[in-house]
Amino acid sequence: MINELKNTELVNKVGGRFKLTALIQKRLEELVNGSRPLIEDTGGKTNMEIVIQEIKEDKIAIDNRTGETQEPEQD
C-alpha cells in the first residue's frame, strides 16, 4: 500500500476522503486513457503513485463546482 494514503495529510489537503477518492479515480482514468503525467520522475512508478505525487506537488486538484480534476493555473 502507498504510505501517503495512511496519512491524513492528503485527505486534509483535498478536503476529505470522498474528494480524495474521487480525485484519484478521475485522474487514474485520465492516465489510463492516455493523459501525460504532470510530474517529471515517473520511472518505475505505478499510475497510482503518479497520481499521489501529482496531488502532493499541487499539480492537480478537484474543481468543487464540477467535481472534475483540474490543473491549477500557473503564474
N, C-alpha and C. Protein backbone atom coordinates (compact mmCIF):
# COMPACT_ATOMS: atom_id res chain seq x y z
N MET A 1 0.84 -1.19 0.00
CA MET A 1 0.00 0.00 0.00
C MET A 1 0.88 1.24 0.00
N ILE A 2 0.39 2.28 -0.57
CA ILE A 2 1.12 3.54 -0.63
C ILE A 2 1.03 4.22 0.72
N ASN A 3 2.19 4.50 1.32
CA ASN A 3 2.24 5.06 2.67
C ASN A 3 1.53 6.40 2.79
N GLU A 4 1.54 7.20 1.73
CA GLU A 4 0.89 8.51 1.78
C GLU A 4 -0.60 8.39 2.05
N LEU A 5 -1.21 7.27 1.68
CA LEU A 5 -2.65 7.09 1.89
C LEU A 5 -2.98 6.76 3.34
N LYS A 6 -1.99 6.35 4.10
CA LYS A 6 -2.19 6.07 5.52
C LYS A 6 -2.21 7.36 6.34
N ASN A 7 -1.63 8.40 5.80
CA ASN A 7 -1.51 9.68 6.47
C ASN A 7 -2.73 10.55 6.12
N THR A 8 -3.16 11.37 7.05
CA THR A 8 -4.32 12.23 6.80
C THR A 8 -3.95 13.53 6.07
N GLU A 9 -2.66 13.73 5.78
CA GLU A 9 -2.22 14.95 5.11
C GLU A 9 -2.93 15.14 3.76
N LEU A 10 -2.95 14.10 2.94
CA LEU A 10 -3.61 14.21 1.63
C LEU A 10 -5.11 14.40 1.78
N VAL A 11 -5.70 13.70 2.73
CA VAL A 11 -7.15 13.82 2.96
C VAL A 11 -7.48 15.26 3.30
N ASN A 12 -6.73 15.85 4.20
CA ASN A 12 -6.97 17.24 4.61
C ASN A 12 -6.68 18.22 3.47
N LYS A 13 -5.66 17.94 2.69
CA LYS A 13 -5.28 18.82 1.58
C LYS A 13 -6.39 18.93 0.55
N VAL A 14 -7.04 17.81 0.25
CA VAL A 14 -8.08 17.77 -0.77
C VAL A 14 -9.44 18.17 -0.22
N GLY A 15 -9.66 17.93 1.06
CA GLY A 15 -10.92 18.33 1.65
C GLY A 15 -11.81 17.18 2.08
N GLY A 16 -11.22 16.02 2.28
CA GLY A 16 -11.98 14.88 2.78
C GLY A 16 -11.68 13.61 2.00
N ARG A 17 -12.04 12.49 2.60
CA ARG A 17 -11.76 11.19 1.99
C ARG A 17 -12.53 10.99 0.68
N PHE A 18 -13.79 11.43 0.66
CA PHE A 18 -14.59 11.26 -0.55
C PHE A 18 -13.98 12.05 -1.71
N LYS A 19 -13.60 13.29 -1.45
CA LYS A 19 -13.00 14.12 -2.51
C LYS A 19 -11.66 13.55 -2.96
N LEU A 20 -10.87 13.04 -2.02
CA LEU A 20 -9.60 12.42 -2.38
C LEU A 20 -9.83 11.20 -3.26
N THR A 21 -10.77 10.38 -2.88
CA THR A 21 -11.08 9.18 -3.66
C THR A 21 -11.55 9.56 -5.06
N ALA A 22 -12.42 10.55 -5.15
CA ALA A 22 -12.93 10.99 -6.46
C ALA A 22 -11.81 11.54 -7.33
N LEU A 23 -10.92 12.34 -6.73
CA LEU A 23 -9.80 12.92 -7.47
C LEU A 23 -8.87 11.83 -7.99
N ILE A 24 -8.54 10.89 -7.14
CA ILE A 24 -7.66 9.79 -7.55
C ILE A 24 -8.29 9.00 -8.68
N GLN A 25 -9.57 8.66 -8.54
CA GLN A 25 -10.26 7.85 -9.55
C GLN A 25 -10.30 8.56 -10.89
N LYS A 26 -10.64 9.85 -10.89
CA LYS A 26 -10.73 10.59 -12.15
C LYS A 26 -9.37 10.75 -12.80
N ARG A 27 -8.35 11.02 -12.00
CA ARG A 27 -7.01 11.19 -12.57
C ARG A 27 -6.46 9.87 -13.08
N LEU A 28 -6.71 8.77 -12.36
CA LEU A 28 -6.29 7.47 -12.85
C LEU A 28 -6.93 7.17 -14.21
N GLU A 29 -8.21 7.49 -14.33
CA GLU A 29 -8.90 7.28 -15.60
C GLU A 29 -8.25 8.09 -16.72
N GLU A 30 -7.89 9.34 -16.43
CA GLU A 30 -7.23 10.18 -17.43
C GLU A 30 -5.89 9.57 -17.86
N LEU A 31 -5.11 9.09 -16.90
CA LEU A 31 -3.81 8.48 -17.23
C LEU A 31 -3.98 7.22 -18.06
N VAL A 32 -4.95 6.38 -17.69
CA VAL A 32 -5.19 5.15 -18.43
C VAL A 32 -5.62 5.46 -19.86
N ASN A 33 -6.34 6.56 -20.04
CA ASN A 33 -6.82 6.94 -21.36
C ASN A 33 -5.81 7.77 -22.15
N GLY A 34 -4.58 7.87 -21.67
CA GLY A 34 -3.51 8.48 -22.46
C GLY A 34 -3.01 9.83 -22.03
N SER A 35 -3.53 10.41 -20.97
CA SER A 35 -3.00 11.70 -20.50
C SER A 35 -1.57 11.54 -20.03
N ARG A 36 -0.80 12.59 -20.20
CA ARG A 36 0.60 12.55 -19.77
C ARG A 36 0.71 12.90 -18.31
N PRO A 37 1.62 12.26 -17.59
CA PRO A 37 1.84 12.61 -16.18
C PRO A 37 2.33 14.05 -16.06
N LEU A 38 1.98 14.70 -14.98
CA LEU A 38 2.36 16.09 -14.74
C LEU A 38 3.60 16.21 -13.89
N ILE A 39 4.22 15.09 -13.55
CA ILE A 39 5.46 15.11 -12.79
C ILE A 39 6.59 14.60 -13.67
N GLU A 40 7.79 14.97 -13.33
CA GLU A 40 8.95 14.61 -14.13
C GLU A 40 9.39 13.16 -13.93
N ASP A 41 9.55 12.76 -12.68
CA ASP A 41 10.12 11.45 -12.37
C ASP A 41 9.02 10.39 -12.26
N THR A 42 8.76 9.69 -13.38
CA THR A 42 7.73 8.66 -13.37
C THR A 42 8.32 7.26 -13.52
N GLY A 43 9.63 7.17 -13.64
CA GLY A 43 10.28 5.89 -13.84
C GLY A 43 10.01 4.90 -12.72
N GLY A 44 9.45 3.77 -13.06
CA GLY A 44 9.20 2.71 -12.09
C GLY A 44 8.01 2.95 -11.19
N LYS A 45 7.23 4.01 -11.45
CA LYS A 45 6.08 4.30 -10.61
C LYS A 45 4.80 3.78 -11.27
N THR A 46 3.89 3.33 -10.43
CA THR A 46 2.57 2.92 -10.92
C THR A 46 1.75 4.18 -11.17
N ASN A 47 0.64 4.03 -11.89
CA ASN A 47 -0.24 5.18 -12.12
C ASN A 47 -0.74 5.75 -10.79
N MET A 48 -1.02 4.89 -9.83
CA MET A 48 -1.49 5.34 -8.53
C MET A 48 -0.43 6.19 -7.84
N GLU A 49 0.82 5.75 -7.89
CA GLU A 49 1.91 6.51 -7.29
C GLU A 49 2.09 7.85 -7.99
N ILE A 50 1.90 7.89 -9.30
CA ILE A 50 1.99 9.13 -10.06
C ILE A 50 0.90 10.10 -9.61
N VAL A 51 -0.32 9.61 -9.48
CA VAL A 51 -1.44 10.47 -9.05
C VAL A 51 -1.18 11.03 -7.66
N ILE A 52 -0.73 10.20 -6.74
CA ILE A 52 -0.45 10.65 -5.37
C ILE A 52 0.63 11.73 -5.39
N GLN A 53 1.67 11.55 -6.19
CA GLN A 53 2.74 12.54 -6.28
C GLN A 53 2.22 13.84 -6.90
N GLU A 54 1.36 13.74 -7.91
CA GLU A 54 0.77 14.94 -8.50
C GLU A 54 -0.04 15.73 -7.47
N ILE A 55 -0.77 15.04 -6.62
CA ILE A 55 -1.55 15.70 -5.57
C ILE A 55 -0.61 16.36 -4.57
N LYS A 56 0.42 15.63 -4.15
CA LYS A 56 1.37 16.16 -3.17
C LYS A 56 2.05 17.42 -3.69
N GLU A 57 2.35 17.45 -5.00
CA GLU A 57 3.04 18.59 -5.59
C GLU A 57 2.09 19.67 -6.09
N ASP A 58 0.81 19.57 -5.74
CA ASP A 58 -0.21 20.53 -6.16
C ASP A 58 -0.31 20.67 -7.67
N LYS A 59 -0.08 19.58 -8.38
CA LYS A 59 -0.21 19.59 -9.84
C LYS A 59 -1.65 19.40 -10.27
N ILE A 60 -2.45 18.75 -9.42
CA ILE A 60 -3.87 18.56 -9.71
C ILE A 60 -4.68 18.88 -8.47
N ALA A 61 -5.92 19.23 -8.68
CA ALA A 61 -6.86 19.50 -7.60
C ALA A 61 -8.24 19.15 -8.11
N ILE A 62 -9.21 19.14 -7.22
CA ILE A 62 -10.58 18.86 -7.63
C ILE A 62 -11.32 20.19 -7.76
N ASP A 63 -12.07 20.34 -8.84
CA ASP A 63 -12.88 21.52 -9.05
C ASP A 63 -14.17 21.33 -8.27
N ASN A 64 -14.37 22.09 -7.22
CA ASN A 64 -15.52 21.92 -6.35
C ASN A 64 -16.84 22.21 -7.05
N ARG A 65 -16.79 22.94 -8.14
CA ARG A 65 -18.03 23.25 -8.86
C ARG A 65 -18.48 22.08 -9.71
N THR A 66 -17.54 21.38 -10.35
CA THR A 66 -17.91 20.32 -11.28
C THR A 66 -17.51 18.94 -10.80
N GLY A 67 -16.59 18.85 -9.86
CA GLY A 67 -16.10 17.55 -9.41
C GLY A 67 -15.07 16.96 -10.34
N GLU A 68 -14.63 17.71 -11.34
CA GLU A 68 -13.63 17.24 -12.30
C GLU A 68 -12.24 17.60 -11.82
N THR A 69 -11.25 16.87 -12.32
CA THR A 69 -9.87 17.21 -11.99
C THR A 69 -9.48 18.44 -12.78
N GLN A 70 -8.60 19.23 -12.20
CA GLN A 70 -8.11 20.40 -12.90
C GLN A 70 -6.67 20.63 -12.53
N GLU A 71 -5.96 21.21 -13.46
CA GLU A 71 -4.59 21.60 -13.20
C GLU A 71 -4.63 23.03 -12.69
N PRO A 72 -4.02 23.29 -11.54
CA PRO A 72 -4.01 24.67 -11.04
C PRO A 72 -3.34 25.60 -12.04
N GLU A 73 -3.84 26.83 -12.11
CA GLU A 73 -3.26 27.80 -13.03
C GLU A 73 -1.86 28.17 -12.60
N GLN A 74 -0.97 28.27 -13.57
CA GLN A 74 0.41 28.64 -13.31
C GLN A 74 0.55 30.15 -13.41
N ASP A 75 1.42 30.73 -12.56
CA ASP A 75 1.62 32.18 -12.58
C ASP A 75 2.41 32.59 -13.79
